[in-house]
Amino acid sequence: MLRSRSVAALFALVPLALACGGEPTAVKPPNVLFIAVDDLNDWTSQLGGHPQAKTPNIDALAARGVSFSNAHAAAPTCGPSRAAIMTSIRPSTSGNYENADTFTDNPVLNNAVILPELFQQAGYQVVGAGKLFHGHHHKSELKGRGFDTYFPSKENDHYKEPKDRARPKPVSDWGQGAKGFWDWGPMASYITLDDMSDGRMVNWVRDQFQSGEIKEPFFVAAGIIRPHLPFYAPQSYFDMYPLDEIQLPAVKEDDLADVPLAGRNMGVGEARHEAITSHGQWATAIQAYLAATTFADDCVGRLLEGLENSGYADNTIVVLWSDHGWQFGEKKHWSKFTLWERATRVNLVFAGPGVATGADSNAPVNLLDVYPTLAQLTGLTAPKEQIEGRSLAPLLEDPSRDWPWPSITTYGSGNHTARDERWRYIRYHDGSEELYDHESDPMEWTNLASAAQHVDVKQRLASALPRENAEQIQGRTKPVVRALD
């Protein structure tokens, strides 16, 4: 196993190194480049979720750092997931369960020190760009809180595609959202990465690096919107994935037969799957998602190029993450909003000082862990009273270390899943359960929850689930909460 110098050594070895003349020289604190990719599931080539995925820039980042192959979101939906990573507070603690739930109306979240504020308070230059919080949250509520500079502005966290430029070739009229949010297809022939909102955003960050506008120590955060719906990308990215060669996910026809009603009712389910498949749009959707994923990967490449050319790369920790997964017909469900593997599994990669090189960890980690990890790696003190994640610094030093804690994902009050290195256990608000053995059943086709021989596995994983579920705060209304039995 290749290792970098231990995290502790980075800050204890020479806290005050003596210069030739005897004057103390302070150790320079590391910078952070924080990259978010929206709705990116495990269909990246470094995670192997789809055999045709092409993501060379994320692969290259993983090759010089640690990739977590068993990382999961705190919630399988944008707003709660992003609130959790920015505060290290579980949805079951904050009551932030749905995309409609607001950040500033939530006293637990609003009174927390959000991640960029931690760095801002420590004297870092904090720069943000693109989609970092859920769109309407940051635009109408947070208004750049915690950031010194934001692109395009502190009032708007990301650009929409200009109407005169966003004219993709339409998908066929299949009657389920074509030419709307549920849409996909290549952009007009003259559109390039530079014309897209993500392209403009990453070019701005790259230019900030190259112009010297960003000063050390810095925390630079960039949020890439693709591959979020609609799955639009320039034609060149579609050309990488010929439609007649697209491989569909393996789907078991009766897969939902052993799934409890609470699970079947989650997400964007059977009706959507039937509409997409009956109109011949399954392969086109996958082609478009893969194209948008490779487009996002090129955006990652531009950010890394800007950092490398800045001269700051050797002293910068890079963390790349996606906010949740995405389903393409597995269990006859589409989108996220479920507690199954494809919806909870995320990309999580660290590279830079204090991080092993070219290593993979199968430890069951969570996006909640990013906040305390970055705090430890940079020598900052995280607010202990709010942190519910665990620092991954020991795994970044030695990815083979034991990690006994399962990763917990929550969707709605009382609905949780626990994932360890082998098992996924799901418990819904009504007490119904699912249990999957990933050693023999990676597609989660056989629910073993009723098998007597696995009672001990269920009990062990159930003991890690949140025992209390905060009241949901949706705007200024407080719906009735379903407690976990």
Protein backbone atom coordinates (compact mmCIF):
# COMPACT_ATOMS: atom_id res chain seq x y z
CA MET A 1 0.00 0.00 0.00
CA LEU A 2 1.43 3.38 -1.02
CA ARG A 3 1.14 5.98 1.71
CA SER A 4 1.74 9.67 2.07
CA ARG A 5 3.02 11.11 5.34
CA SER A 6 0.48 10.61 8.11
CA VAL A 7 -2.07 13.34 8.75
CA ALA A 8 -0.82 13.87 12.31
CA ALA A 9 2.74 14.21 11.07
CA LEU A 10 1.74 16.91 8.62
CA PHE A 11 0.87 19.19 11.50
CA ALA A 12 3.15 17.86 14.26
CA LEU A 13 6.41 17.30 12.39
CA VAL A 14 7.40 20.95 12.08
CA PRO A 15 4.75 23.23 13.55
CA LEU A 16 7.50 25.82 13.80
CA ALA A 17 10.50 24.90 11.64
CA LEU A 18 13.65 26.86 12.37
CA ALA A 19 15.01 28.79 9.43
CA CYS A 20 18.77 29.30 8.91
CA GLY A 21 18.78 32.45 11.00
CA GLY A 22 16.90 30.84 13.84
CA GLU A 23 13.57 32.51 13.05
CA PRO A 24 10.50 30.22 13.28
CA THR A 25 8.64 29.51 10.05
CA ALA A 26 4.99 28.47 10.32
CA VAL A 27 3.77 25.45 8.39
CA LYS A 28 1.58 26.61 5.53
CA PRO A 29 -2.03 25.38 5.93
CA PRO A 30 -3.35 23.30 3.03
CA ASN A 31 -5.88 24.67 0.57
CA VAL A 32 -9.09 22.88 -0.45
CA LEU A 33 -10.71 22.38 -3.85
CA PHE A 34 -14.24 21.07 -3.20
CA ILE A 35 -15.97 19.68 -6.32
CA ALA A 36 -19.65 18.67 -6.35
CA VAL A 37 -21.27 16.81 -9.26
CA ASP A 38 -25.07 16.79 -9.34
CA ASP A 39 -27.00 13.49 -9.67
CA LEU A 40 -23.86 11.51 -10.56
CA ASN A 41 -24.43 7.85 -9.73
CA ASP A 42 -21.82 5.08 -9.77
CA TRP A 43 -21.70 5.10 -13.59
CA THR A 44 -18.15 6.41 -13.53
CA SER A 45 -15.42 4.18 -14.86
CA GLN A 46 -13.54 4.22 -11.54
CA LEU A 47 -16.60 2.79 -9.74
CA GLY A 48 -17.60 0.44 -12.56
CA GLY A 49 -21.34 0.98 -12.27
CA HIS A 50 -21.77 0.93 -16.06
CA PRO A 51 -19.28 -0.87 -18.34
CA GLN A 52 -19.36 1.83 -21.02
CA ALA A 53 -18.77 4.90 -18.84
CA LYS A 54 -15.90 7.19 -19.84
CA THR A 55 -14.67 9.44 -17.02
CA PRO A 56 -10.88 9.75 -17.47
CA ASN A 57 -10.47 12.90 -15.36
CA ILE A 58 -12.20 11.46 -12.31
CA ASP A 59 -10.17 8.29 -12.87
CA ALA A 60 -6.96 10.33 -12.89
CA LEU A 61 -7.93 12.08 -9.65
CA ALA A 62 -8.68 8.71 -8.02
CA ALA A 63 -5.31 7.39 -9.23
CA ARG A 64 -3.48 10.02 -7.20
CA GLY A 65 -5.64 9.76 -4.11
CA VAL A 66 -8.16 7.56 -2.31
CA SER A 67 -11.49 6.56 -3.85
CA PHE A 68 -14.26 5.29 -1.60
CA SER A 69 -16.11 2.56 -3.48
CA ASN A 70 -18.69 2.09 -0.72
CA ALA A 71 -19.63 5.72 -0.04
CA HIS A 72 -23.27 6.74 0.40
CA ALA A 73 -25.38 9.87 0.68
CA ALA A 74 -27.03 10.96 3.92
CA ALA A 75 -30.24 11.30 1.87
CA PRO A 76 -31.11 10.20 -1.69
CA THR A 77 -32.29 13.64 -2.74
CA CYS A 78 -30.50 16.92 -3.53
CA GLY A 79 -31.56 19.36 -0.82
CA PRO A 80 -31.25 17.15 2.28
CA SER A 81 -28.04 15.54 0.98
CA ARG A 82 -26.37 18.89 0.41
CA ALA A 83 -27.59 20.27 3.74
CA ALA A 84 -26.08 17.21 5.42
CA ILE A 85 -22.67 17.46 3.75
CA MET A 86 -22.48 21.20 4.49
CA THR A 87 -23.30 20.76 8.20
CA SER A 88 -22.55 17.09 9.04
CA ILE A 89 -26.05 16.91 10.54
CA ARG A 90 -28.29 13.94 9.74
CA PRO A 91 -31.74 14.52 8.18
CA SER A 92 -33.23 12.66 11.14
CA THR A 93 -31.64 15.22 13.46
CA SER A 94 -32.53 18.34 11.47
CA GLY A 95 -35.95 17.31 10.13
CA ASN A 96 -34.74 18.20 6.61
CA TYR A 97 -36.13 15.26 4.60
CA GLU A 98 -37.39 16.57 1.25
CA ASN A 99 -36.25 18.97 -1.46
CA ALA A 100 -39.15 21.26 -0.48
CA ASP A 101 -37.81 21.53 3.08
CA THR A 102 -36.04 24.85 3.55
CA PHE A 103 -32.62 25.52 5.06
CA THR A 104 -33.10 28.89 6.76
CA ASP A 105 -36.52 28.00 8.19
CA ASN A 106 -34.87 25.02 9.87
CA PRO A 107 -33.40 26.16 13.22
CA VAL A 108 -31.02 23.19 13.48
CA LEU A 109 -29.48 23.85 10.05
CA ASN A 110 -29.68 27.64 10.11
CA ASN A 111 -27.89 27.85 13.46
CA ALA A 112 -25.12 25.49 12.36
CA VAL A 113 -21.70 26.55 11.13
CA ILE A 114 -21.82 25.56 7.46
CA LEU A 115 -18.62 24.19 5.93
CA PRO A 116 -17.57 27.33 4.00
CA GLU A 117 -18.14 29.40 7.16
CA LEU A 118 -15.72 27.15 9.07
CA PHE A 119 -12.99 28.05 6.59
CA GLN A 120 -14.01 31.69 6.33
CA GLN A 121 -13.82 32.06 10.12
CA ALA A 122 -10.32 30.54 10.03
CA GLY A 123 -9.10 33.20 7.62
CA TYR A 124 -9.33 31.25 4.38
CA GLN A 125 -10.36 32.96 1.16
CA VAL A 126 -13.64 31.21 0.36
CA VAL A 127 -14.75 31.15 -3.27
CA GLY A 128 -17.89 29.44 -4.58
CA ALA A 129 -19.27 28.76 -8.02
CA GLY A 130 -22.15 26.77 -9.52
CA LYS A 131 -24.57 24.50 -7.69
CA LEU A 132 -23.38 23.72 -4.17
CA PHE A 133 -26.59 23.90 -2.17
CA HIS A 134 -29.95 22.91 -3.58
CA GLY A 135 -30.72 25.57 -6.19
CA HIS A 136 -33.56 27.53 -4.61
CA HIS A 137 -32.05 27.14 -1.13
CA HIS A 138 -28.88 29.02 -1.92
CA LYS A 139 -30.43 31.54 -4.30
CA SER A 140 -33.38 32.69 -2.20
CA GLU A 141 -32.14 31.93 1.30
CA LEU A 142 -28.41 31.56 1.96
CA LYS A 143 -27.42 34.29 -0.52
CA GLY A 144 -23.74 33.45 -0.53
CA ARG A 145 -23.46 32.95 3.21
CA GLY A 146 -19.97 31.77 4.08
CA PHE A 147 -18.46 32.81 0.72
CA ASP A 148 -16.28 35.84 0.00
CA THR A 149 -16.92 35.58 -3.73
CA TYR A 150 -19.52 33.64 -5.70
CA PHE A 151 -20.09 33.00 -9.41
CA PRO A 152 -22.32 34.04 -11.02
CA SER A 153 -23.39 36.00 -7.90
CA LYS A 154 -24.41 35.58 -4.29
CA GLU A 155 -28.04 35.91 -5.36
CA ASN A 156 -27.94 33.10 -7.94
CA ASP A 157 -25.97 29.94 -7.36
CA HIS A 158 -25.97 28.73 -10.96
CA TYR A 159 -26.89 29.79 -14.45
CA LYS A 160 -29.70 28.32 -16.45
CA GLU A 161 -28.90 27.64 -20.07
CA PRO A 162 -29.79 30.76 -22.15
CA LYS A 163 -32.95 30.08 -24.13
CA ASP A 164 -31.43 31.18 -27.40
CA ARG A 165 -28.61 28.67 -27.01
CA ALA A 166 -30.33 25.73 -25.33
CA ARG A 167 -32.01 24.16 -28.33
CA PRO A 168 -31.33 20.45 -28.10
CA LYS A 169 -32.61 18.05 -30.68
CA PRO A 170 -35.86 16.87 -29.06
CA VAL A 171 -36.43 13.32 -27.97
CA SER A 172 -39.37 11.62 -29.60
CA ASP A 173 -42.77 12.62 -28.21
CA TRP A 174 -43.32 9.84 -25.71
CA GLY A 175 -45.91 11.70 -23.68
CA GLN A 176 -44.05 11.77 -20.36
CA GLY A 177 -42.35 15.12 -20.12
CA ALA A 178 -40.64 15.38 -23.51
CA LYS A 179 -39.33 18.89 -24.17
CA GLY A 180 -39.50 19.50 -20.41
CA PHE A 181 -37.69 18.48 -17.25
CA TRP A 182 -37.83 14.76 -18.11
CA ASP A 183 -36.00 15.24 -21.38
CA TRP A 184 -32.68 14.32 -22.95
CA GLY A 185 -30.77 14.74 -26.15
CA PRO A 186 -27.82 16.49 -27.78
CA MET A 187 -27.57 20.26 -27.94
CA ALA A 188 -27.69 22.09 -31.26
CA SER A 189 -24.63 21.39 -33.40
CA TYR A 190 -22.92 24.72 -32.68
CA ILE A 191 -23.02 24.32 -28.87
CA THR A 192 -19.76 23.43 -27.10
CA LEU A 193 -18.79 22.92 -23.47
CA ASP A 194 -17.90 26.62 -23.29
CA ASP A 195 -21.50 27.60 -24.11
CA MET A 196 -23.04 25.50 -21.34
CA SER A 197 -23.56 26.94 -17.86
CA ASP A 198 -21.21 24.36 -16.34
CA GLY A 199 -18.57 25.25 -18.90
CA ARG A 200 -18.82 28.94 -18.10
CA MET A 201 -18.59 28.17 -14.41
CA VAL A 202 -15.48 25.97 -14.56
CA ASN A 203 -13.81 28.39 -16.97
CA TRP A 204 -14.40 31.18 -14.44
CA VAL A 205 -12.80 29.14 -11.64
CA ARG A 206 -9.87 28.19 -13.87
CA ASP A 207 -9.41 31.84 -14.80
CA GLN A 208 -9.47 32.84 -11.13
CA PHE A 209 -6.63 30.42 -10.46
CA GLN A 210 -4.61 31.55 -13.44
CA SER A 211 -5.13 35.28 -12.82
CA GLY A 212 -3.91 35.06 -9.25
CA GLU A 213 -7.25 36.27 -7.85
CA ILE A 214 -7.32 33.29 -5.51
CA LYS A 215 -4.88 33.61 -2.59
CA GLU A 216 -3.67 31.01 -0.12
CA PRO A 217 -5.00 29.59 2.05
CA PHE A 218 -8.19 29.08 0.04
CA PHE A 219 -11.33 27.00 0.03
CA VAL A 220 -12.68 26.89 -3.52
CA ALA A 221 -15.99 25.12 -4.11
CA ALA A 222 -17.37 24.37 -7.58
CA GLY A 223 -20.73 22.70 -8.24
CA ILE A 224 -21.30 21.02 -11.62
CA ILE A 225 -24.98 20.67 -12.59
CA ARG A 226 -24.73 17.84 -15.11
CA PRO A 227 -25.68 15.02 -15.28
CA HIS A 228 -28.86 16.30 -13.61
CA LEU A 229 -32.03 16.21 -15.70
CA PRO A 230 -32.62 17.23 -18.41
CA PHE A 231 -29.77 15.13 -19.81
CA TYR A 232 -28.38 17.67 -22.28
CA ALA A 233 -24.81 17.78 -23.58
CA PRO A 234 -23.06 18.84 -26.78
CA GLN A 235 -23.34 16.43 -29.73
CA SER A 236 -19.71 15.33 -29.42
CA TYR A 237 -20.45 13.61 -26.11
CA PHE A 238 -23.35 11.68 -27.61
CA ASP A 239 -21.04 10.55 -30.41
CA MET A 240 -18.95 8.73 -27.79
CA TYR A 241 -21.92 6.46 -27.02
CA PRO A 242 -23.55 5.10 -30.23
CA LEU A 243 -27.19 4.38 -29.49
CA ASP A 244 -27.14 0.91 -31.04
CA GLU A 245 -24.35 -0.12 -28.66
CA ILE A 246 -25.91 1.09 -25.40
CA GLN A 247 -26.08 -1.57 -22.68
CA LEU A 248 -29.20 -1.56 -20.51
CA PRO A 249 -29.09 -2.35 -16.77
CA ALA A 250 -29.89 -5.88 -15.75
CA VAL A 251 -33.46 -5.90 -14.41
CA LYS A 252 -35.33 -8.82 -12.84
CA GLU A 253 -38.92 -8.85 -14.07
CA ASP A 254 -40.45 -9.81 -10.70
CA ASP A 255 -37.92 -7.88 -8.62
CA LEU A 256 -40.59 -5.98 -6.68
CA ALA A 257 -42.45 -9.12 -5.62
CA ASP A 258 -40.57 -9.33 -2.30
CA VAL A 259 -40.36 -5.56 -1.68
CA PRO A 260 -42.70 -4.12 0.97
CA LEU A 261 -45.32 -1.59 -0.10
CA ALA A 262 -43.46 1.24 1.64
CA GLY A 263 -40.48 0.58 -0.64
CA ARG A 264 -42.53 0.22 -3.81
CA ASN A 265 -44.25 3.53 -3.11
CA MET A 266 -41.00 5.47 -2.86
CA GLY A 267 -39.38 7.25 -5.75
CA VAL A 268 -40.35 7.55 -9.39
CA GLY A 269 -41.58 4.05 -9.91
CA GLU A 270 -43.34 1.54 -12.07
CA ALA A 271 -45.56 3.92 -14.06
CA ARG A 272 -42.57 5.97 -15.20
CA HIS A 273 -40.62 2.82 -16.05
CA GLU A 274 -43.50 1.50 -18.14
CA ALA A 275 -43.86 4.82 -19.98
CA ILE A 276 -40.16 5.06 -20.81
CA THR A 277 -39.73 1.47 -21.92
CA SER A 278 -42.99 1.30 -23.90
CA HIS A 279 -41.99 4.40 -25.89
CA GLY A 280 -38.55 3.03 -26.67
CA GLN A 281 -36.71 5.62 -24.58
CA TRP A 282 -34.73 3.42 -22.20
CA ALA A 283 -31.57 3.29 -24.31
CA THR A 284 -31.80 6.95 -25.33
CA ALA A 285 -32.03 8.00 -21.68
CA ILE A 286 -28.95 5.94 -20.78
CA GLN A 287 -27.04 7.26 -23.79
CA ALA A 288 -27.86 10.83 -22.75
CA TYR A 289 -26.92 10.25 -19.11
CA LEU A 290 -23.58 8.73 -20.09
CA ALA A 291 -22.97 11.66 -22.45
CA ALA A 292 -23.82 14.16 -19.69
CA THR A 293 -21.58 12.23 -17.27
CA THR A 294 -18.59 12.45 -19.61
CA PHE A 295 -19.38 16.14 -20.13
CA ALA A 296 -19.27 16.61 -16.34
CA ASP A 297 -15.99 14.69 -16.24
CA ASP A 298 -14.49 17.16 -18.73
CA CYS A 299 -15.61 19.97 -16.44
CA VAL A 300 -13.76 18.24 -13.59
CA GLY A 301 -10.72 18.06 -15.84
CA ARG A 302 -10.77 21.81 -16.45
CA LEU A 303 -10.95 22.52 -12.71
CA LEU A 304 -8.00 20.22 -12.05
CA GLU A 305 -6.07 21.78 -14.93
CA GLY A 306 -6.66 25.24 -13.48
CA LEU A 307 -5.42 24.10 -10.08
CA GLU A 308 -2.35 22.40 -11.56
CA ASN A 309 -1.38 25.47 -13.56
CA SER A 310 -1.83 27.73 -10.53
CA GLY A 311 1.18 26.32 -8.73
CA TYR A 312 -0.95 25.52 -5.67
CA ALA A 313 -1.64 21.87 -6.46
CA ASP A 314 1.00 20.35 -4.15
CA ASN A 315 -0.54 22.08 -1.15
CA THR A 316 -4.20 21.57 -2.05
CA ILE A 317 -6.57 18.85 -0.86
CA VAL A 318 -9.06 17.94 -3.58
CA VAL A 319 -12.35 16.31 -2.66
CA LEU A 320 -14.86 15.27 -5.31
CA TRP A 321 -18.33 14.08 -4.38
CA SER A 322 -21.77 13.50 -5.84
CA ASP A 323 -24.91 14.19 -3.83
CA HIS A 324 -26.67 10.84 -4.40
CA GLY A 325 -27.13 8.13 -7.00
CA TRP A 326 -29.68 7.65 -9.79
CA GLN A 327 -31.72 4.65 -10.98
CA PHE A 328 -32.41 3.70 -14.59
CA GLY A 329 -35.05 1.02 -14.27
CA GLU A 330 -33.45 -1.05 -11.51
CA LYS A 331 -36.39 -2.34 -9.46
CA LYS A 332 -38.52 -0.58 -12.11
CA HIS A 333 -37.67 2.79 -10.59
CA TRP A 334 -36.20 5.95 -12.09
CA SER A 335 -34.43 8.95 -10.56
CA LYS A 336 -33.35 8.86 -6.89
CA PHE A 337 -35.72 8.97 -3.87
CA THR A 338 -35.27 5.34 -2.74
CA LEU A 339 -33.10 3.53 -0.19
CA TRP A 340 -31.57 1.02 -2.63
CA GLU A 341 -27.93 0.85 -3.68
CA ARG A 342 -28.10 2.66 -6.99
CA ALA A 343 -29.85 5.65 -5.35
CA THR A 344 -27.59 5.95 -2.28
CA ARG A 345 -24.14 5.12 -3.67
CA VAL A 346 -22.02 8.14 -4.50
CA ASN A 347 -18.62 9.12 -5.86
CA LEU A 348 -16.21 10.25 -3.15
CA VAL A 349 -12.53 10.87 -3.90
CA PHE A 350 -9.82 12.64 -1.87
CA ALA A 351 -6.36 13.56 -3.13
CA GLY A 352 -3.54 15.77 -1.91
CA PRO A 353 -1.42 16.20 1.22
CA GLY A 354 -2.15 13.63 3.90
CA VAL A 355 -3.80 11.22 1.44
CA ALA A 356 -2.54 7.84 0.22
CA THR A 357 -1.87 7.49 -3.49
CA GLY A 358 -3.84 5.32 -5.91
CA ALA A 359 -5.78 3.45 -3.26
CA ASP A 360 -9.36 2.25 -2.87
CA SER A 361 -11.34 1.82 0.31
CA ASN A 362 -14.43 -0.36 0.61
CA ALA A 363 -15.24 1.06 4.04
CA PRO A 364 -18.94 2.03 4.32
CA VAL A 365 -18.56 5.80 4.61
CA ASN A 366 -21.02 8.68 4.28
CA LEU A 367 -21.07 12.22 2.93
CA LEU A 368 -21.62 13.35 6.53
CA ASP A 369 -17.96 12.45 7.02
CA VAL A 370 -16.61 15.04 4.57
CA TYR A 371 -16.97 18.02 6.95
CA PRO A 372 -14.98 16.57 9.89
CA THR A 373 -12.44 15.07 7.47
CA LEU A 374 -11.63 18.41 5.86
CA ALA A 375 -11.49 20.06 9.27
CA GLN A 376 -8.94 17.52 10.51
CA LEU A 377 -6.85 17.59 7.32
CA THR A 378 -6.56 21.39 7.48
CA GLY A 379 -6.04 21.62 11.24
CA LEU A 380 -9.33 23.42 11.90
CA THR A 381 -11.62 22.73 14.85
CA ALA A 382 -15.06 21.57 13.79
CA PRO A 383 -18.00 22.44 16.09
CA LYS A 384 -18.29 19.17 18.00
CA GLU A 385 -21.87 19.77 19.10
CA GLN A 386 -23.15 19.62 15.51
CA ILE A 387 -20.89 17.03 13.86
CA GLU A 388 -22.50 13.62 13.30
CA GLY A 389 -20.04 12.32 10.73
CA ARG A 390 -16.64 10.77 11.41
CA SER A 391 -13.31 11.96 10.08
CA LEU A 392 -12.02 9.76 7.28
CA ALA A 393 -8.44 10.88 7.91
CA PRO A 394 -7.38 7.43 9.25
CA LEU A 395 -8.67 5.80 6.03
CA LEU A 396 -6.97 8.43 3.89
CA GLU A 397 -3.68 7.52 5.53
CA ASP A 398 -4.33 3.75 5.39
CA PRO A 399 -7.41 2.72 3.33
CA SER A 400 -7.16 -0.86 4.60
CA ARG A 401 -7.94 0.10 8.19
CA ASP A 402 -10.97 -1.39 9.89
CA TRP A 403 -14.12 0.77 9.76
CA PRO A 404 -16.79 -0.84 11.96
CA TRP A 405 -19.57 1.71 11.42
CA PRO A 406 -22.28 1.20 8.75
CA SER A 407 -23.26 4.09 6.49
CA ILE A 408 -26.77 5.43 7.16
CA THR A 409 -29.08 6.96 4.54
CA THR A 410 -32.47 8.47 5.41
CA TYR A 411 -35.40 9.34 3.17
CA GLY A 412 -38.41 10.72 4.98
CA SER A 413 -39.04 10.40 8.69
CA GLY A 414 -38.59 6.88 9.98
CA ASN A 415 -37.18 5.44 6.73
CA HIS A 416 -33.52 4.44 6.96
CA THR A 417 -30.98 2.09 5.45
CA ALA A 418 -27.71 0.83 6.93
CA ARG A 419 -24.94 -0.35 4.57
CA ASP A 420 -21.80 -2.14 5.72
CA GLU A 421 -19.15 -3.88 3.62
CA ARG A 422 -21.46 -6.81 2.83
CA TRP A 423 -25.08 -6.07 3.76
CA ARG A 424 -27.78 -3.50 3.12
CA TYR A 425 -30.60 -3.36 5.67
CA ILE A 426 -33.66 -1.13 5.11
CA ARG A 427 -36.31 -0.35 7.69
CA TYR A 428 -39.36 1.74 6.81
CA HIS A 429 -41.58 3.84 9.04
CA ASP A 430 -44.16 1.05 9.24
CA GLY A 431 -41.60 -1.50 10.43
CA SER A 432 -41.34 -3.36 7.11
CA GLU A 433 -37.84 -4.43 6.12
CA GLU A 434 -35.46 -5.39 3.35
CA LEU A 435 -32.09 -7.13 3.63
CA TYR A 436 -29.64 -7.75 0.79
CA ASP A 437 -26.36 -9.66 0.71
CA HIS A 438 -24.06 -7.77 -1.65
CA GLU A 439 -21.55 -10.59 -1.61
CA SER A 440 -23.93 -12.84 -3.56
CA ASP A 441 -26.59 -10.37 -4.73
CA PRO A 442 -25.07 -7.04 -5.84
CA MET A 443 -28.24 -6.10 -7.75
CA GLU A 444 -30.38 -6.50 -4.61
CA TRP A 445 -32.77 -8.92 -6.26
CA THR A 446 -33.51 -11.16 -3.23
CA ASN A 447 -34.93 -9.69 -0.04
CA LEU A 448 -33.63 -11.83 2.85
CA ALA A 449 -35.35 -9.90 5.63
CA SER A 450 -37.65 -12.82 6.52
CA ALA A 451 -34.83 -15.40 6.65
CA ALA A 452 -34.37 -16.64 10.22
CA GLN A 453 -30.62 -17.18 9.77
CA HIS A 454 -30.06 -13.47 9.24
CA VAL A 455 -31.79 -12.17 12.38
CA ASP A 456 -28.43 -11.29 13.93
CA VAL A 457 -27.41 -9.28 10.85
CA LYS A 458 -30.66 -7.33 10.96
CA GLN A 459 -30.33 -6.65 14.68
CA ARG A 460 -26.75 -5.47 14.31
CA LEU A 461 -27.54 -3.07 11.48
CA ALA A 462 -30.83 -1.93 13.01
CA SER A 463 -28.95 -0.91 16.15
CA ALA A 464 -27.07 1.69 14.07
CA LEU A 465 -30.23 3.39 12.74
CA PRO A 466 -31.34 6.72 14.23
CA ARG A 467 -33.62 6.09 17.19
CA GLU A 468 -35.29 9.49 17.00
CA ASN A 469 -36.69 11.31 13.98
CA ALA A 470 -36.94 15.08 14.13
CA GLU A 471 -40.16 16.75 13.19
CA GLN A 472 -40.18 17.71 9.53
CA ILE A 473 -39.90 21.44 8.90
CA GLN A 474 -41.25 22.22 5.45
CA GLY A 475 -41.25 25.96 5.06
CA ARG A 476 -43.07 27.09 8.17
CA THR A 477 -45.42 24.12 8.42
CA LYS A 478 -44.76 21.15 10.65
CA PRO A 479 -46.36 17.93 9.36
CA VAL A 480 -46.97 14.98 11.64
CA VAL A 481 -43.90 12.76 11.92
CA ARG A 482 -43.96 8.98 11.74
CA ALA A 483 -41.69 7.62 14.47
CA LEU A 484 -39.35 4.67 14.07
CA ASP A 485 -40.67 1.77 16.14
